Amino acid sequence: MLADGNCERLVYPFLDVYVHDPNFDVSSDALETVRVMFTGAAGGINAAATGLGDEASEEYRVTMEGIASDFLNRKYTEVIDERVNAKCLSSRANYMTRRMTLQLLSSILLNRANYNVMMAYISSQQNLVTILCLLRDPSPHITLDAFQVFKIFVANPNKPPEVVKILFDNKVKLVKYLEGLHKERENSDGQYRDEKQLVISTLEGLQI
């Protein structure tokens, strides 16, 4: 399905049309299909369900991840720039599309198989601006999902100068905002608390 010749007919319509369908069932099914295509992982499917043993199931997972990663590397501009950012994360997209796209983006970027995709994404100042806007969205669910992507920008030890400048110029406002972001969650979610503190301390230490 992820062969280049299938893109216009079998891949891009999901991001161009179906994920934006006003019918919730259609849009959510389309987003789940996109998630499976771009991560190579079908949620909830284990070795028993596939009829494969554990070793064969793991080999299958790695193979599918590799296929998805190769596709995203080849079609980065068409998928990430022209569709994920420009359409699925835009203010014109509906709430559920933006939220599930952020979750998908986080899964893609944090997958080790997608290292090149991650580096390309977090090296872009326009992508950072997009995520910063979503970090201040009125929806608390979207701001939490946006934080999961924003932390990758901050954690990058090799930030391009233009990304460093945006973070440095806004670090006082960002730190103040992050200190209050989902503060109620910190008592029950130690990982979130620790990650947020690391992001804040990294921002505070930024220099140009």
Protein backbone atom coordinates (compact mmCIF):
# COMPACT_ATOMS: atom_id res chain seq x y z
CA MET A 1 0.00 0.00 0.00
CA LEU A 2 2.90 2.39 0.74
CA ALA A 3 4.43 1.97 -2.70
CA ASP A 4 4.98 5.37 -4.32
CA GLY A 5 2.58 4.57 -7.11
CA ASN A 6 -0.28 4.10 -4.65
CA CYS A 7 0.04 7.47 -2.91
CA GLU A 8 -2.47 9.51 -4.89
CA ARG A 9 -5.08 6.75 -4.89
CA LEU A 10 -4.65 4.91 -1.59
CA VAL A 11 -2.68 7.08 0.85
CA TYR A 12 -3.16 10.80 0.36
CA PRO A 13 -6.99 10.70 0.23
CA PHE A 14 -6.99 9.67 3.90
CA LEU A 15 -5.15 12.88 4.86
CA ASP A 16 -6.80 15.10 2.27
CA VAL A 17 -10.41 14.02 2.67
CA TYR A 18 -11.38 11.22 5.01
CA VAL A 19 -9.79 12.46 8.26
CA HIS A 20 -11.71 15.72 7.82
CA ASP A 21 -15.09 14.05 7.30
CA PRO A 22 -17.75 15.55 9.61
CA ASN A 23 -18.94 12.04 10.43
CA PHE A 24 -16.95 11.07 13.53
CA ASP A 25 -16.88 7.36 12.72
CA VAL A 26 -15.45 8.03 9.27
CA SER A 27 -12.80 10.49 10.47
CA SER A 28 -11.70 8.38 13.44
CA ASP A 29 -11.45 5.22 11.29
CA ALA A 30 -9.43 7.19 8.73
CA LEU A 31 -7.05 8.48 11.40
CA GLU A 32 -6.59 4.96 12.76
CA THR A 33 -5.81 3.74 9.25
CA VAL A 34 -3.23 6.51 8.87
CA ARG A 35 -1.72 5.57 12.24
CA VAL A 36 -1.32 1.94 11.18
CA MET A 37 0.15 2.93 7.81
CA PHE A 38 2.67 5.41 9.21
CA THR A 39 3.77 3.50 12.30
CA GLY A 40 3.53 -0.06 10.98
CA ALA A 41 1.70 -0.99 14.18
CA ALA A 42 -1.86 -2.22 14.58
CA GLY A 43 -3.01 -1.48 18.09
CA GLY A 44 -4.19 -4.41 20.14
CA ILE A 45 -2.93 -7.07 17.74
CA ASN A 46 -0.66 -9.54 19.51
CA ALA A 47 1.16 -12.69 18.48
CA ALA A 48 -1.84 -14.90 19.19
CA ALA A 49 -4.12 -12.75 17.06
CA THR A 50 -1.78 -12.86 14.07
CA GLY A 51 -1.22 -16.59 14.35
CA LEU A 52 2.52 -15.95 14.60
CA GLY A 53 4.84 -16.90 17.41
CA ASP A 54 6.42 -14.18 19.54
CA GLU A 55 9.65 -14.13 17.54
CA ALA A 56 7.90 -14.08 14.17
CA SER A 57 5.47 -11.44 15.41
CA GLU A 58 8.33 -9.20 16.50
CA GLU A 59 10.05 -9.70 13.15
CA TYR A 60 6.81 -8.75 11.40
CA ARG A 61 6.48 -5.61 13.53
CA VAL A 62 10.04 -4.51 12.78
CA THR A 63 9.51 -5.15 9.06
CA MET A 64 6.32 -3.08 8.99
CA GLU A 65 7.98 -0.27 10.95
CA GLY A 66 10.80 -0.28 8.43
CA ILE A 67 8.41 -0.04 5.49
CA ALA A 68 6.56 2.85 7.14
CA SER A 69 9.82 4.62 8.00
CA ASP A 70 11.18 4.29 4.47
CA PHE A 71 7.95 5.72 3.10
CA LEU A 72 8.00 8.72 5.45
CA ASN A 73 11.60 9.44 4.54
CA ARG A 74 10.80 9.36 0.82
CA LYS A 75 7.58 11.34 1.11
CA TYR A 76 8.40 13.64 4.03
CA THR A 77 7.40 16.85 2.24
CA GLU A 78 4.17 15.43 0.80
CA VAL A 79 3.07 13.81 4.07
CA ILE A 80 4.42 15.98 6.88
CA ASP A 81 4.65 19.45 5.35
CA GLU A 82 1.80 19.43 2.88
CA ARG A 83 -0.72 17.34 4.80
CA VAL A 84 0.03 16.79 8.50
CA ASN A 85 1.08 20.39 9.19
CA ALA A 86 -0.80 22.32 6.52
CA LYS A 87 -4.10 20.46 6.82
CA CYS A 88 -4.43 18.14 9.82
CA LEU A 89 -2.88 20.50 12.41
CA SER A 90 -4.23 23.75 10.99
CA SER A 91 -6.82 25.84 12.82
CA ARG A 92 -9.28 24.84 10.08
CA ALA A 93 -9.10 21.17 11.08
CA ASN A 94 -11.63 19.90 13.59
CA TYR A 95 -10.73 19.16 17.19
CA MET A 96 -10.50 15.39 16.88
CA THR A 97 -8.36 15.55 13.74
CA ARG A 98 -5.88 17.90 15.41
CA ARG A 99 -5.75 15.86 18.61
CA MET A 100 -5.28 12.47 16.97
CA THR A 101 -2.79 13.90 14.49
CA LEU A 102 -0.68 15.23 17.37
CA GLN A 103 -0.74 11.78 18.98
CA LEU A 104 0.25 10.19 15.67
CA LEU A 105 3.04 12.73 15.17
CA SER A 106 4.41 12.04 18.64
CA SER A 107 4.40 8.29 17.95
CA ILE A 108 6.22 8.79 14.66
CA LEU A 109 8.88 11.11 16.07
CA LEU A 110 9.60 8.98 19.14
CA ASN A 111 10.02 5.76 17.14
CA ARG A 112 13.75 5.03 16.76
CA ALA A 113 13.15 3.78 13.23
CA ASN A 114 12.13 7.33 12.29
CA TYR A 115 15.28 9.11 13.49
CA ASN A 116 15.79 10.94 10.19
CA VAL A 117 12.15 11.99 10.08
CA MET A 118 12.38 13.23 13.67
CA MET A 119 15.52 15.27 13.00
CA ALA A 120 13.98 16.83 9.90
CA TYR A 121 10.83 17.74 11.82
CA ILE A 122 12.46 19.25 14.91
CA SER A 123 14.99 21.18 12.82
CA SER A 124 12.23 23.29 11.26
CA GLN A 125 11.33 26.63 12.80
CA GLN A 126 7.94 26.54 11.07
CA ASN A 127 7.15 23.22 12.71
CA LEU A 128 8.13 24.68 16.07
CA VAL A 129 5.82 27.65 15.53
CA THR A 130 2.98 25.26 14.66
CA ILE A 131 3.49 23.28 17.87
CA LEU A 132 3.83 26.44 19.98
CA CYS A 133 0.43 27.59 18.71
CA LEU A 134 -1.10 24.23 19.60
CA LEU A 135 0.56 24.38 23.01
CA ARG A 136 -1.70 27.36 23.77
CA ASP A 137 -4.87 25.80 22.36
CA PRO A 138 -8.03 26.24 24.47
CA SER A 139 -8.40 22.45 24.73
CA PRO A 140 -6.40 20.91 27.60
CA HIS A 141 -6.21 17.62 25.69
CA ILE A 142 -4.58 19.28 22.71
CA THR A 143 -2.12 21.22 24.88
CA LEU A 144 -1.06 17.98 26.57
CA ASP A 145 -0.56 16.24 23.22
CA ALA A 146 1.30 19.29 21.88
CA PHE A 147 3.63 19.17 24.87
CA GLN A 148 4.62 15.62 23.93
CA VAL A 149 5.91 16.98 20.60
CA PHE A 150 7.31 20.24 21.99
CA LYS A 151 9.55 18.40 24.45
CA ILE A 152 11.34 16.74 21.51
CA PHE A 153 12.30 20.15 20.10
CA VAL A 154 13.68 21.21 23.46
CA ALA A 155 15.53 17.96 24.11
CA ASN A 156 17.38 18.08 20.79
CA PRO A 157 21.07 18.67 21.63
CA ASN A 158 21.77 19.90 18.09
CA LYS A 159 19.12 22.56 17.63
CA PRO A 160 19.54 24.72 14.53
CA PRO A 161 20.22 28.42 15.28
CA GLU A 162 16.77 29.50 14.09
CA VAL A 163 15.08 27.05 16.50
CA VAL A 164 17.33 28.14 19.36
CA LYS A 165 16.47 31.79 18.66
CA ILE A 166 12.72 31.20 18.84
CA LEU A 167 13.06 29.26 22.09
CA PHE A 168 15.50 31.79 23.57
CA ASP A 169 13.42 34.83 22.61
CA ASN A 170 10.32 33.28 24.18
CA LYS A 171 11.85 31.33 27.05
CA VAL A 172 10.62 33.59 29.86
CA LYS A 173 7.02 33.39 28.64
CA LEU A 174 7.37 29.69 27.89
CA VAL A 175 8.74 28.84 31.32
CA LYS A 176 5.97 30.79 33.05
CA TYR A 177 3.35 29.10 30.89
CA LEU A 178 4.77 25.61 31.31
CA GLU A 179 4.98 25.95 35.08
CA GLY A 180 1.20 26.15 35.18
CA LEU A 181 0.50 23.71 32.33
CA HIS A 182 -1.54 20.77 33.65
CA LYS A 183 -0.17 21.36 37.13
CA GLU A 184 -2.94 19.21 38.57
CA ARG A 185 -1.52 16.25 36.65
CA GLU A 186 1.87 16.35 38.34
CA ASN A 187 0.76 14.55 41.52
CA SER A 188 -0.61 11.55 39.64
CA ASP A 189 1.77 11.44 36.66
CA GLY A 190 5.39 11.39 37.73
CA GLN A 191 6.68 10.99 34.19
CA TYR A 192 4.89 14.11 33.02
CA ARG A 193 6.13 16.04 36.05
CA ASP A 194 9.74 15.00 35.46
CA GLU A 195 9.60 15.65 31.72
CA LYS A 196 8.08 19.07 32.22
CA GLN A 197 10.71 20.01 34.76
CA LEU A 198 13.46 18.89 32.39
CA VAL A 199 11.97 20.98 29.58
CA ILE A 200 11.77 24.02 31.88
CA SER A 201 15.33 23.64 33.13
CA THR A 202 16.59 23.19 29.56
CA LEU A 203 14.81 26.34 28.45
CA GLU A 204 16.17 28.30 31.40
CA GLY A 205 19.69 27.23 30.46
CA LEU A 206 19.41 28.25 26.80
CA GLN A 207 22.04 30.68 25.55
CA ILE A 208 22.73 32.28 22.18
